[in-house]
């Protein structure tokens, strides 16, 4: 598609950046085509053909790579949201206390009716939240190999391949980029892999790209070490500091 495809790709990234959860429904790409001044078929090709975007179970497309690079912004926004929620709860508690003192039962009931159900809100956020798996895997890597020389041109692709391999080999159910239990299983196995690599005389110097290209050999070595009594339980401790 040449330069036009290049332009469509970056315009799609701009659109995704403005969306909640950095996702956009496939059913509405005709609207994007009109906005971009191109055809719907060309937009569809850019989304589906070149492995630039992924599609979730709700038929929304997104870019894992974009989310990876936006992680610092996402974390900052999450902290600001949590602080705002805390202030809202404190303000609401003070309001309820004043209402109880004044005996305005009717007003207190009205406040109760309008207050969102906290458990339902939390559940909705849990279901709608994307699991930012790639940054979490990289964080595990840096915990074990703090001096790892980051390479932004290859690390993301390598970690994506590692996730794909782990999901396939372990027959993990659910999309680990959306389903938290699946993500936790991937993180657990990744901690074992990188822990073993870090103490291996050959694997210890491997880059993520090299690890991703030699996963079958590495996992075979891990299985052999396990048969010799290698203690993998210790690697589970590495996951304690990593949240959802």
Protein backbone atom coordinates (compact mmCIF):
# COMPACT_ATOMS: atom_id res chain seq x y z
CA UNK A 1 0.00 0.00 0.00
CA UNK A 2 3.00 2.26 0.12
CA UNK A 3 2.92 5.65 1.78
CA UNK A 4 -0.90 5.57 2.06
CA UNK A 5 -0.78 2.47 4.26
CA UNK A 6 1.90 4.11 6.39
CA UNK A 7 -0.34 7.15 6.87
CA UNK A 8 -3.39 5.04 7.72
CA UNK A 9 -1.38 3.16 10.35
CA UNK A 10 -0.33 6.29 12.19
CA UNK A 11 -3.79 7.84 11.95
CA UNK A 12 -5.21 4.67 13.52
CA UNK A 13 -2.72 5.00 16.38
CA UNK A 14 -3.86 8.59 16.93
CA UNK A 15 -7.48 7.44 17.10
CA UNK A 16 -6.68 4.62 19.53
CA UNK A 17 -4.78 6.99 21.80
CA UNK A 18 -7.98 9.01 22.33
CA UNK A 19 -10.16 5.98 23.14
CA UNK A 20 -10.91 4.62 26.60
CA UNK A 21 -8.86 1.48 27.00
CA UNK A 22 -7.02 2.37 23.74
CA UNK A 23 -9.42 0.22 21.72
CA UNK A 24 -11.81 0.88 18.82
CA UNK A 25 -14.65 -1.32 17.47
CA UNK A 26 -14.09 -2.99 14.12
CA UNK A 27 -17.73 -2.40 13.31
CA UNK A 28 -17.06 1.35 13.06
CA UNK A 29 -14.02 1.40 10.79
CA UNK A 30 -16.22 2.75 8.01
CA UNK A 31 -16.41 5.96 10.05
CA UNK A 32 -12.63 6.07 10.24
CA UNK A 33 -12.35 5.53 6.49
CA UNK A 34 -14.61 8.54 5.88
CA UNK A 35 -12.58 10.62 8.33
CA UNK A 36 -9.27 9.58 6.74
CA UNK A 37 -10.54 10.13 3.19
CA UNK A 38 -9.83 6.56 2.11
CA UNK A 39 -11.70 3.29 1.61
CA UNK A 40 -12.93 0.94 4.32
CA UNK A 41 -11.13 -1.97 2.64
CA UNK A 42 -7.76 -0.22 2.91
CA UNK A 43 -8.28 0.54 6.59
CA UNK A 44 -9.27 -3.09 7.16
CA UNK A 45 -6.13 -4.33 5.41
CA UNK A 46 -3.85 -2.20 7.59
CA UNK A 47 -5.60 -3.47 10.74
CA UNK A 48 -5.66 -7.16 9.86
CA UNK A 49 -2.87 -8.00 7.42
CA UNK A 50 0.44 -6.82 8.84
CA UNK A 51 0.20 -7.94 12.50
CA UNK A 52 0.24 -4.30 13.59
CA UNK A 53 -2.95 -4.62 15.63
CA UNK A 54 -4.72 -7.26 17.71
CA UNK A 55 -8.46 -7.93 18.07
CA UNK A 56 -10.08 -8.82 21.39
CA UNK A 57 -13.09 -11.03 22.08
CA UNK A 58 -15.43 -8.04 21.74
CA UNK A 59 -14.22 -7.31 18.20
CA UNK A 60 -12.26 -4.22 19.22
CA UNK A 61 -8.85 -3.68 17.68
CA UNK A 62 -5.86 -2.28 19.58
CA UNK A 63 -2.08 -2.05 19.44
CA UNK A 64 -0.18 -3.90 22.17
CA UNK A 65 2.97 -2.02 21.16
CA UNK A 66 1.24 1.32 21.63
CA UNK A 67 0.02 0.30 25.09
CA UNK A 68 3.58 -0.77 25.94
CA UNK A 69 5.00 2.65 25.09
CA UNK A 70 2.10 4.45 26.80
CA UNK A 71 2.58 2.49 30.03
CA UNK A 72 4.14 5.41 31.99
CA UNK A 73 1.19 7.62 31.01
CA UNK A 74 -1.29 4.87 31.89
CA UNK A 75 0.25 4.35 35.32
CA UNK A 76 0.22 8.10 36.00
CA UNK A 77 -3.44 8.33 34.98
CA UNK A 78 -4.31 5.32 37.15
CA UNK A 79 -2.69 6.92 40.19
CA UNK A 80 -4.59 10.15 39.54
CA UNK A 81 -7.87 8.21 39.19
CA UNK A 82 -7.28 6.37 42.45
CA UNK A 83 -6.50 9.63 44.24
CA UNK A 84 -9.70 11.19 42.87
CA UNK A 85 -11.75 8.18 43.98
CA UNK A 86 -10.24 8.40 47.45
CA UNK A 87 -11.13 12.09 47.70
CA UNK A 88 -14.67 11.35 46.49
CA UNK A 89 -15.13 8.61 49.11
CA UNK A 90 -13.83 10.88 51.87
CA UNK A 91 -16.13 13.69 50.78
CA UNK A 92 -19.08 11.30 50.59
CA UNK A 93 -18.34 9.95 54.09
CA UNK A 94 -18.33 13.49 55.47
CA UNK A 95 -21.63 14.27 53.73
CA UNK A 96 -23.26 11.15 55.15
CA UNK A 97 -22.07 12.04 58.64
CA UNK A 98 -23.61 15.51 58.39
CA UNK A 99 -26.87 14.08 57.12
CA UNK A 100 -27.06 11.64 60.03
CA UNK A 101 -26.46 14.44 62.53
CA UNK A 102 -29.13 16.65 60.99
CA UNK A 103 -31.64 13.79 60.94
CA UNK A 104 -32.60 14.44 57.34
CA UNK A 105 -33.55 10.86 56.64
CA UNK A 106 -35.14 11.57 53.27
CA UNK A 107 -32.05 13.31 51.96
CA UNK A 108 -29.83 10.51 53.26
CA UNK A 109 -31.96 7.98 51.36
CA UNK A 110 -31.64 10.06 48.20
CA UNK A 111 -27.84 10.10 48.49
CA UNK A 112 -27.84 6.33 49.01
CA UNK A 113 -29.93 5.81 45.89
CA UNK A 114 -27.62 7.90 43.72
CA UNK A 115 -24.37 6.44 45.05
CA UNK A 116 -22.98 3.80 42.65
CA UNK A 117 -22.70 0.26 43.89
CA UNK A 118 -18.99 -0.08 44.64
CA UNK A 119 -18.77 -3.81 44.00
CA UNK A 120 -20.55 -3.47 40.65
CA UNK A 121 -18.26 -0.58 39.65
CA UNK A 122 -15.14 -2.54 40.57
CA UNK A 123 -16.39 -5.59 38.68
CA UNK A 124 -17.11 -3.50 35.58
CA UNK A 125 -13.63 -1.97 35.70
CA UNK A 126 -12.10 -5.45 36.09
CA UNK A 127 -13.98 -6.77 33.07
CA UNK A 128 -13.23 -3.77 30.84
CA UNK A 129 -9.56 -3.38 31.81
CA UNK A 130 -6.91 -4.62 29.43
CA UNK A 131 -4.09 -6.56 31.02
CA UNK A 132 -0.87 -4.73 30.21
CA UNK A 133 1.05 -7.96 30.06
CA UNK A 134 4.14 -7.05 28.04
CA UNK A 135 5.31 -4.28 30.44
CA UNK A 136 4.74 -6.66 33.37
CA UNK A 137 6.88 -9.35 31.74
CA UNK A 138 9.63 -6.81 31.14
CA UNK A 139 9.42 -5.73 34.79
CA UNK A 140 9.92 -9.35 35.86
CA UNK A 141 12.96 -9.52 33.55
CA UNK A 142 14.48 -6.39 35.12
CA UNK A 143 13.91 -7.78 38.61
CA UNK A 144 16.06 -10.79 37.74
CA UNK A 145 18.44 -9.04 35.32
CA UNK A 146 18.51 -5.37 36.41
CA UNK A 147 21.33 -4.53 34.01
CA UNK A 148 19.56 -5.93 30.97
CA UNK A 149 20.27 -3.61 27.99
CA UNK A 150 16.82 -2.61 26.78
CA UNK A 151 16.32 -2.64 23.00
CA UNK A 152 13.04 -0.99 22.02
CA UNK A 153 13.36 -2.16 18.42
CA UNK A 154 13.30 -5.88 19.26
CA UNK A 155 12.19 -6.42 22.89
CA UNK A 156 8.47 -5.88 22.33
CA UNK A 157 8.28 -8.29 19.39
CA UNK A 158 10.34 -10.85 21.29
CA UNK A 159 8.11 -10.72 24.38
CA UNK A 160 5.01 -11.02 22.19
CA UNK A 161 6.47 -14.19 20.64
CA UNK A 162 7.30 -15.53 24.10
CA UNK A 163 3.70 -14.99 25.24
CA UNK A 164 2.41 -16.76 22.14
CA UNK A 165 4.76 -19.70 22.75
CA UNK A 166 3.84 -20.05 26.44
CA UNK A 167 0.11 -19.91 25.73
CA UNK A 168 0.41 -22.55 23.04
CA UNK A 169 2.75 -24.91 24.90
CA UNK A 170 0.88 -24.72 28.21
CA UNK A 171 -2.54 -24.71 26.53
CA UNK A 172 -3.56 -21.68 28.58
CA UNK A 173 -7.25 -20.89 28.29
CA UNK A 174 -8.28 -17.30 27.64
CA UNK A 175 -6.56 -14.32 26.08
CA UNK A 176 -3.73 -13.30 28.46
CA UNK A 177 -4.00 -9.71 27.26
CA UNK A 178 -7.58 -9.56 28.55
CA UNK A 179 -8.08 -12.39 31.06
CA UNK A 180 -6.19 -11.90 34.32
CA UNK A 181 -5.87 -15.60 35.34
CA UNK A 182 -4.32 -16.37 31.95
CA UNK A 183 -1.94 -13.43 32.35
CA UNK A 184 -0.91 -14.62 35.82
CA UNK A 185 -0.11 -18.08 34.43
CA UNK A 186 2.03 -16.57 31.65
CA UNK A 187 3.87 -14.39 34.20
CA UNK A 188 4.51 -17.40 36.45
CA UNK A 189 6.02 -19.44 33.61
CA UNK A 190 8.01 -16.46 32.32
CA UNK A 191 9.54 -15.99 35.79
CA UNK A 192 10.70 -19.62 35.72
CA UNK A 193 12.16 -19.24 32.23
CA UNK A 194 14.07 -16.03 32.88
CA UNK A 195 15.24 -17.25 36.30
CA UNK A 196 16.72 -20.36 34.72
CA UNK A 197 18.30 -18.35 31.90
CA UNK A 198 19.96 -15.96 34.36
CA UNK A 199 22.01 -18.74 36.00
CA UNK A 200 22.77 -20.76 32.88
CA UNK A 201 26.30 -20.46 31.51
CA UNK A 202 25.00 -20.07 27.96
CA UNK A 203 21.54 -18.52 28.34
CA UNK A 204 22.54 -15.85 30.88
CA UNK A 205 23.75 -13.45 28.17
CA UNK A 206 20.81 -14.03 25.85
CA UNK A 207 18.79 -11.04 24.70
CA UNK A 208 15.00 -11.27 24.62
CA UNK A 209 15.20 -11.76 20.88
CA UNK A 210 17.60 -14.69 21.28
CA UNK A 211 15.48 -16.19 24.05
CA UNK A 212 12.36 -15.96 21.89
CA UNK A 213 14.18 -17.69 19.03
CA UNK A 214 15.43 -20.52 21.26
CA UNK A 215 12.51 -21.13 23.60
CA UNK A 216 12.19 -24.78 22.72
CA UNK A 217 15.83 -25.44 23.64
CA UNK A 218 15.53 -23.36 26.83
CA UNK A 219 12.34 -25.03 28.04
CA UNK A 220 13.85 -28.44 27.33
CA UNK A 221 16.79 -27.55 29.58
CA UNK A 222 14.38 -26.36 32.26
CA UNK A 223 12.54 -29.67 32.14
CA UNK A 224 15.84 -31.55 32.48
CA UNK A 225 16.89 -29.43 35.45
CA UNK A 226 13.48 -29.97 37.02
CA UNK A 227 14.03 -33.70 36.82
CA UNK A 228 17.29 -33.15 38.73
CA UNK A 229 15.51 -31.34 41.55
CA UNK A 230 15.74 -27.69 40.51
CA UNK A 231 13.63 -25.61 42.93
CA UNK A 232 11.20 -23.59 40.81
CA UNK A 233 9.02 -22.72 43.77
CA UNK A 234 11.43 -19.91 44.64
CA UNK A 235 10.62 -18.12 41.42
CA UNK A 236 7.04 -17.68 42.59
CA UNK A 237 8.33 -15.21 45.17
CA UNK A 238 9.36 -12.93 42.33
CA UNK A 239 5.75 -12.44 41.37
CA UNK A 240 4.60 -11.15 44.73
CA UNK A 241 5.56 -7.58 43.89
CA UNK A 242 3.66 -7.51 40.60
CA UNK A 243 0.02 -6.35 40.57
CA UNK A 244 -2.77 -7.04 38.08
